[in-house]
């Protein structure tokens, strides 16, 4: 785990959560507000993870 760049885990987690939100949107039995919330949280994780990746990249 030492070589995983900071921000990579939130970005990957955000991708999974965003995908889950999209799948939930396809299911008509689930309230749209819940699926939109899950989708939004996923996008927020992607954005925050990407910011961490950019801020903490190694300069050679």
PDB file of N, CA and C in Angstrom:
ATOM      1  N   UNK A   1       0.813  -1.202   0.000  1.00  0.00           N
ATOM      2  CA  UNK A   1       0.000   0.000   0.000  1.00  0.00           C
ATOM      3  C   UNK A   1       0.856   1.266   0.000  1.00  0.00           C
ATOM      4  N   UNK A   2       2.172   1.110   0.103  1.00  0.00           N
ATOM      5  CA  UNK A   2       3.031   2.282   0.157  1.00  0.00           C
ATOM      6  C   UNK A   2       3.085   3.035  -1.170  1.00  0.00           C
ATOM      7  N   UNK A   3       2.863   2.343  -2.273  1.00  0.00           N
ATOM      8  CA  UNK A   3       3.062   2.957  -3.579  1.00  0.00           C
ATOM      9  C   UNK A   3       1.779   3.471  -4.218  1.00  0.00           C
ATOM     10  N   UNK A   4       0.682   3.441  -3.484  1.00  0.00           N
ATOM     11  CA  UNK A   4      -0.571   3.962  -4.032  1.00  0.00           C
ATOM     12  C   UNK A   4      -0.575   5.475  -3.853  1.00  0.00           C
ATOM     13  N   UNK A   5      -0.786   6.174  -4.931  1.00  0.00           N
ATOM     14  CA  UNK A   5      -0.771   7.631  -4.875  1.00  0.00           C
ATOM     15  C   UNK A   5      -1.960   8.154  -4.092  1.00  0.00           C
ATOM     16  N   UNK A   6      -1.727   9.234  -3.360  1.00  0.00           N
ATOM     17  CA  UNK A   6      -2.788   9.848  -2.588  1.00  0.00           C
ATOM     18  C   UNK A   6      -3.857  10.390  -3.534  1.00  0.00           C
ATOM     19  N   UNK A   7      -5.093  10.053  -3.276  1.00  0.00           N
ATOM     20  CA  UNK A   7      -6.197  10.480  -4.111  1.00  0.00           C
ATOM     21  C   UNK A   7      -6.698   9.411  -5.059  1.00  0.00           C
ATOM     22  N   UNK A   8      -5.910   8.362  -5.247  1.00  0.00           N
ATOM     23  CA  UNK A   8      -6.306   7.312  -6.173  1.00  0.00           C
ATOM     24  C   UNK A   8      -7.482   6.505  -5.627  1.00  0.00           C
ATOM     25  N   UNK A   9      -7.449   6.199  -4.337  1.00  0.00           N
ATOM     26  CA  UNK A   9      -8.528   5.415  -3.739  1.00  0.00           C
ATOM     27  C   UNK A   9      -9.856   6.171  -3.779  1.00  0.00           C
ATOM     28  N   UNK A  10      -9.904   7.463  -3.384  1.00  0.00           N
ATOM     29  CA  UNK A  10     -11.186   8.171  -3.510  1.00  0.00           C
ATOM     30  C   UNK A  10     -11.686   8.278  -4.951  1.00  0.00           C
ATOM     31  N   UNK A  11     -10.773   8.425  -5.903  1.00  0.00           N
ATOM     32  CA  UNK A  11     -11.187   8.527  -7.301  1.00  0.00           C
ATOM     33  C   UNK A  11     -11.788   7.212  -7.794  1.00  0.00           C
ATOM     34  N   UNK A  12     -11.159   6.100  -7.425  1.00  0.00           N
ATOM     35  CA  UNK A  12     -11.680   4.786  -7.835  1.00  0.00           C
ATOM     36  C   UNK A  12     -12.991   4.493  -7.111  1.00  0.00           C
ATOM     37  N   UNK A  13     -13.042   4.805  -5.823  1.00  0.00           N
ATOM     38  CA  UNK A  13     -14.273   4.623  -5.062  1.00  0.00           C
ATOM     39  C   UNK A  13     -15.397   5.474  -5.653  1.00  0.00           C
ATOM     40  N   UNK A  14     -15.079   6.703  -6.026  1.00  0.00           N
ATOM     41  CA  UNK A  14     -16.073   7.583  -6.638  1.00  0.00           C
ATOM     42  C   UNK A  14     -16.592   7.041  -7.953  1.00  0.00           C
ATOM     43  N   UNK A  15     -15.732   6.413  -8.720  1.00  0.00           N
ATOM     44  CA  UNK A  15     -16.157   5.800  -9.970  1.00  0.00           C
ATOM     45  C   UNK A  15     -17.159   4.680  -9.710  1.00  0.00           C
ATOM     46  N   UNK A  16     -16.873   3.865  -8.687  1.00  0.00           N
ATOM     47  CA  UNK A  16     -17.785   2.767  -8.346  1.00  0.00           C
ATOM     48  C   UNK A  16     -19.119   3.296  -7.837  1.00  0.00           C
ATOM     49  N   UNK A  17     -19.086   4.326  -6.990  1.00  0.00           N
ATOM     50  CA  UNK A  17     -20.323   4.883  -6.438  1.00  0.00           C
ATOM     51  C   UNK A  17     -21.133   5.585  -7.525  1.00  0.00           C
ATOM     52  N   UNK A  18     -20.460   6.289  -8.427  1.00  0.00           N
ATOM     53  CA  UNK A  18     -21.155   6.945  -9.536  1.00  0.00           C
ATOM     54  C   UNK A  18     -21.829   5.908 -10.425  1.00  0.00           C
ATOM     55  N   UNK A  19     -21.142   4.816 -10.691  1.00  0.00           N
ATOM     56  CA  UNK A  19     -21.727   3.739 -11.481  1.00  0.00           C
ATOM     57  C   UNK A  19     -22.938   3.152 -10.780  1.00  0.00           C
ATOM     58  N   UNK A  20     -22.829   2.969  -9.469  1.00  0.00           N
ATOM     59  CA  UNK A  20     -23.975   2.457  -8.710  1.00  0.00           C
ATOM     60  C   UNK A  20     -25.156   3.426  -8.790  1.00  0.00           C
ATOM     61  N   UNK A  21     -24.883   4.716  -8.737  1.00  0.00           N
ATOM     62  CA  UNK A  21     -25.948   5.708  -8.870  1.00  0.00           C
ATOM     63  C   UNK A  21     -26.619   5.648 -10.230  1.00  0.00           C
ATOM     64  N   UNK A  22     -25.821   5.440 -11.263  1.00  0.00           N
ATOM     65  CA  UNK A  22     -26.391   5.318 -12.609  1.00  0.00           C
ATOM     66  C   UNK A  22     -27.254   4.073 -12.738  1.00  0.00           C
ATOM     67  N   UNK A  23     -26.803   2.978 -12.141  1.00  0.00           N
ATOM     68  CA  UNK A  23     -27.588   1.740 -12.179  1.00  0.00           C
ATOM     69  C   UNK A  23     -28.889   1.933 -11.412  1.00  0.00           C
ATOM     70  N   UNK A  24     -28.807   2.637 -10.275  1.00  0.00           N
ATOM     71  CA  UNK A  24     -30.009   2.900  -9.483  1.00  0.00           C
ATOM     72  C   UNK A  24     -31.003   3.772 -10.247  1.00  0.00           C
ATOM     73  N   UNK A  25     -30.495   4.680 -11.072  1.00  0.00           N
ATOM     74  CA  UNK A  25     -31.380   5.535 -11.873  1.00  0.00           C
ATOM     75  C   UNK A  25     -32.199   4.708 -12.871  1.00  0.00           C
ATOM     76  N   UNK A  26     -31.645   3.602 -13.328  1.00  0.00           N
ATOM     77  CA  UNK A  26     -32.338   2.751 -14.287  1.00  0.00           C
ATOM     78  C   UNK A  26     -33.461   1.958 -13.640  1.00  0.00           C
ATOM     79  N   UNK A  27     -33.370   1.751 -12.335  1.00  0.00           N
ATOM     80  CA  UNK A  27     -34.373   0.994 -11.598  1.00  0.00           C
ATOM     81  C   UNK A  27     -35.500   1.934 -11.185  1.00  0.00           C
ATOM     82  N   UNK A  28     -36.666   1.718 -11.690  1.00  0.00           N
ATOM     83  CA  UNK A  28     -37.810   2.606 -11.426  1.00  0.00           C
ATOM     84  C   UNK A  28     -38.366   2.455 -10.010  1.00  0.00           C
ATOM     85  N   UNK A  29     -38.014   1.358  -9.319  1.00  0.00           N
ATOM     86  CA  UNK A  29     -38.540   1.128  -7.984  1.00  0.00           C
ATOM     87  C   UNK A  29     -37.831   1.967  -6.924  1.00  0.00           C
ATOM     88  N   UNK A  30     -36.646   2.460  -7.234  1.00  0.00           N
ATOM     89  CA  UNK A  30     -35.870   3.261  -6.286  1.00  0.00           C
ATOM     90  C   UNK A  30     -36.188   4.739  -6.523  1.00  0.00           C
ATOM     91  N   UNK A  31     -36.381   5.460  -5.424  1.00  0.00           N
ATOM     92  CA  UNK A  31     -36.698   6.885  -5.494  1.00  0.00           C
ATOM     93  C   UNK A  31     -35.572   7.632  -6.218  1.00  0.00           C
ATOM     94  N   UNK A  32     -35.948   8.552  -7.083  1.00  0.00           N
ATOM     95  CA  UNK A  32     -34.948   9.269  -7.882  1.00  0.00           C
ATOM     96  C   UNK A  32     -34.064  10.153  -7.003  1.00  0.00           C
ATOM     97  N   UNK A  33     -34.578  10.636  -5.892  1.00  0.00           N
ATOM     98  CA  UNK A  33     -33.763  11.469  -5.010  1.00  0.00           C
ATOM     99  C   UNK A  33     -32.612  10.663  -4.407  1.00  0.00           C
ATOM    100  N   UNK A  34     -32.863   9.404  -4.082  1.00  0.00           N
ATOM    101  CA  UNK A  34     -31.811   8.549  -3.524  1.00  0.00           C
ATOM    102  C   UNK A  34     -30.749   8.271  -4.582  1.00  0.00           C
ATOM    103  N   UNK A  35     -31.167   7.926  -5.774  1.00  0.00           N
ATOM    104  CA  UNK A  35     -30.190   7.628  -6.820  1.00  0.00           C
ATOM    105  C   UNK A  35     -29.398   8.876  -7.207  1.00  0.00           C
ATOM    106  N   UNK A  36     -30.053  10.036  -7.213  1.00  0.00           N
ATOM    107  CA  UNK A  36     -29.331  11.284  -7.505  1.00  0.00           C
ATOM    108  C   UNK A  36     -28.313  11.610  -6.418  1.00  0.00           C
ATOM    109  N   UNK A  37     -28.667  11.318  -5.160  1.00  0.00           N
ATOM    110  CA  UNK A  37     -27.746  11.561  -4.052  1.00  0.00           C
ATOM    111  C   UNK A  37     -26.522  10.655  -4.152  1.00  0.00           C
ATOM    112  N   UNK A  38     -26.742   9.378  -4.434  1.00  0.00           N
ATOM    113  CA  UNK A  38     -25.623   8.437  -4.582  1.00  0.00           C
ATOM    114  C   UNK A  38     -24.743   8.863  -5.753  1.00  0.00           C
ATOM    115  N   UNK A  39     -25.356   9.251  -6.842  1.00  0.00           N
ATOM    116  CA  UNK A  39     -24.616   9.722  -8.018  1.00  0.00           C
ATOM    117  C   UNK A  39     -23.783  10.961  -7.672  1.00  0.00           C
ATOM    118  N   UNK A  40     -24.368  11.888  -6.940  1.00  0.00           N
ATOM    119  CA  UNK A  40     -23.655  13.110  -6.544  1.00  0.00           C
ATOM    120  C   UNK A  40     -22.480  12.838  -5.625  1.00  0.00           C
ATOM    121  N   UNK A  41     -22.673  11.941  -4.660  1.00  0.00           N
ATOM    122  CA  UNK A  41     -21.570  11.578  -3.781  1.00  0.00           C
ATOM    123  C   UNK A  41     -20.429  10.943  -4.574  1.00  0.00           C
ATOM    124  N   UNK A  42     -20.773  10.133  -5.548  1.00  0.00           N
ATOM    125  CA  UNK A  42     -19.745   9.523  -6.384  1.00  0.00           C
ATOM    126  C   UNK A  42     -18.955  10.558  -7.164  1.00  0.00           C
ATOM    127  N   UNK A  43     -19.665  11.519  -7.743  1.00  0.00           N
ATOM    128  CA  UNK A  43     -18.980  12.580  -8.484  1.00  0.00           C
ATOM    129  C   UNK A  43     -18.093  13.412  -7.566  1.00  0.00           C
ATOM    130  N   UNK A  44     -18.575  13.673  -6.346  1.00  0.00           N
ATOM    131  CA  UNK A  44     -17.762  14.433  -5.390  1.00  0.00           C
ATOM    132  C   UNK A  44     -16.473  13.689  -5.048  1.00  0.00           C
ATOM    133  N   UNK A  45     -16.558  12.375  -4.882  1.00  0.00           N
ATOM    134  CA  UNK A  45     -15.357  11.598  -4.599  1.00  0.00           C
ATOM    135  C   UNK A  45     -14.384  11.644  -5.774  1.00  0.00           C
ATOM    136  N   UNK A  46     -14.912  11.573  -6.980  1.00  0.00           N
ATOM    137  CA  UNK A  46     -14.039  11.646  -8.158  1.00  0.00           C
ATOM    138  C   UNK A  46     -13.317  12.992  -8.205  1.00  0.00           C
ATOM    139  N   UNK A  47     -14.054  14.066  -7.972  1.00  0.00           N
ATOM    140  CA  UNK A  47     -13.456  15.408  -8.013  1.00  0.00           C
ATOM    141  C   UNK A  47     -12.394  15.564  -6.924  1.00  0.00           C
ATOM    142  N   UNK A  48     -12.731  15.167  -5.693  1.00  0.00           N
ATOM    143  CA  UNK A  48     -11.777  15.325  -4.597  1.00  0.00           C
ATOM    144  C   UNK A  48     -10.556  14.425  -4.777  1.00  0.00           C
ATOM    145  N   UNK A  49     -10.757  13.211  -5.267  1.00  0.00           N
ATOM    146  CA  UNK A  49      -9.629  12.334  -5.529  1.00  0.00           C
ATOM    147  C   UNK A  49      -8.719  12.875  -6.622  1.00  0.00           C
ATOM    148  N   UNK A  50      -9.325  13.452  -7.649  1.00  0.00           N
ATOM    149  CA  UNK A  50      -8.543  14.035  -8.738  1.00  0.00           C
ATOM    150  C   UNK A  50      -7.746  15.240  -8.256  1.00  0.00           C
ATOM    151  N   UNK A  51      -8.354  16.053  -7.402  1.00  0.00           N
ATOM    152  CA  UNK A  51      -7.632  17.195  -6.836  1.00  0.00           C
ATOM    153  C   UNK A  51      -6.420  16.711  -6.045  1.00  0.00           C
ATOM    154  N   UNK A  52      -6.602  15.670  -5.224  1.00  0.00           N
ATOM    155  CA  UNK A  52      -5.473  15.120  -4.477  1.00  0.00           C
ATOM    156  C   UNK A  52      -4.393  14.578  -5.400  1.00  0.00           C
ATOM    157  N   UNK A  53      -4.796  13.904  -6.456  1.00  0.00           N
ATOM    158  CA  UNK A  53      -3.816  13.364  -7.404  1.00  0.00           C
ATOM    159  C   UNK A  53      -2.992  14.476  -8.049  1.00  0.00           C
ATOM    160  N   UNK A  54      -3.659  15.556  -8.396  1.00  0.00           N
ATOM    161  CA  UNK A  54      -2.954  16.673  -9.053  1.00  0.00           C
ATOM    162  C   UNK A  54      -2.058  17.408  -8.060  1.00  0.00           C
ATOM    163  N   UNK A  55      -2.547  17.632  -6.845  1.00  0.00           N
ATOM    164  CA  UNK A  55      -1.761  18.379  -5.862  1.00  0.00           C
ATOM    165  C   UNK A  55      -0.547  17.612  -5.375  1.00  0.00           C
ATOM    166  N   UNK A  56      -0.649  16.298  -5.289  1.00  0.00           N
ATOM    167  CA  UNK A  56       0.422  15.504  -4.704  1.00  0.00           C
ATOM    168  C   UNK A  56       1.208  14.696  -5.720  1.00  0.00           C
ATOM    169  N   UNK A  57       1.216  15.134  -6.949  1.00  0.00           N
ATOM    170  CA  UNK A  57       2.007  14.395  -7.930  1.00  0.00           C
ATOM    171  C   UNK A  57       3.488  14.671  -7.677  1.00  0.00           C
ATOM    172  N   UNK A  58       4.282  13.681  -7.978  1.00  0.00           N
ATOM    173  CA  UNK A  58       5.721  13.793  -7.721  1.00  0.00           C
ATOM    174  C   UNK A  58       6.379  14.557  -8.852  1.00  0.00           C
ATOM    175  N   UNK A  59       7.212  15.501  -8.467  1.00  0.00           N
ATOM    176  CA  UNK A  59       7.953  16.262  -9.467  1.00  0.00           C
ATOM    177  C   UNK A  59       9.377  15.729  -9.509  1.00  0.00           C
ATOM    178  N   UNK A  60       9.857  15.418 -10.708  1.00  0.00           N
ATOM    179  CA  UNK A  60      11.197  14.868 -10.852  1.00  0.00           C
ATOM    180  C   UNK A  60      12.152  15.920 -11.343  1.00  0.00           C
TER     181      UNK A  60
END
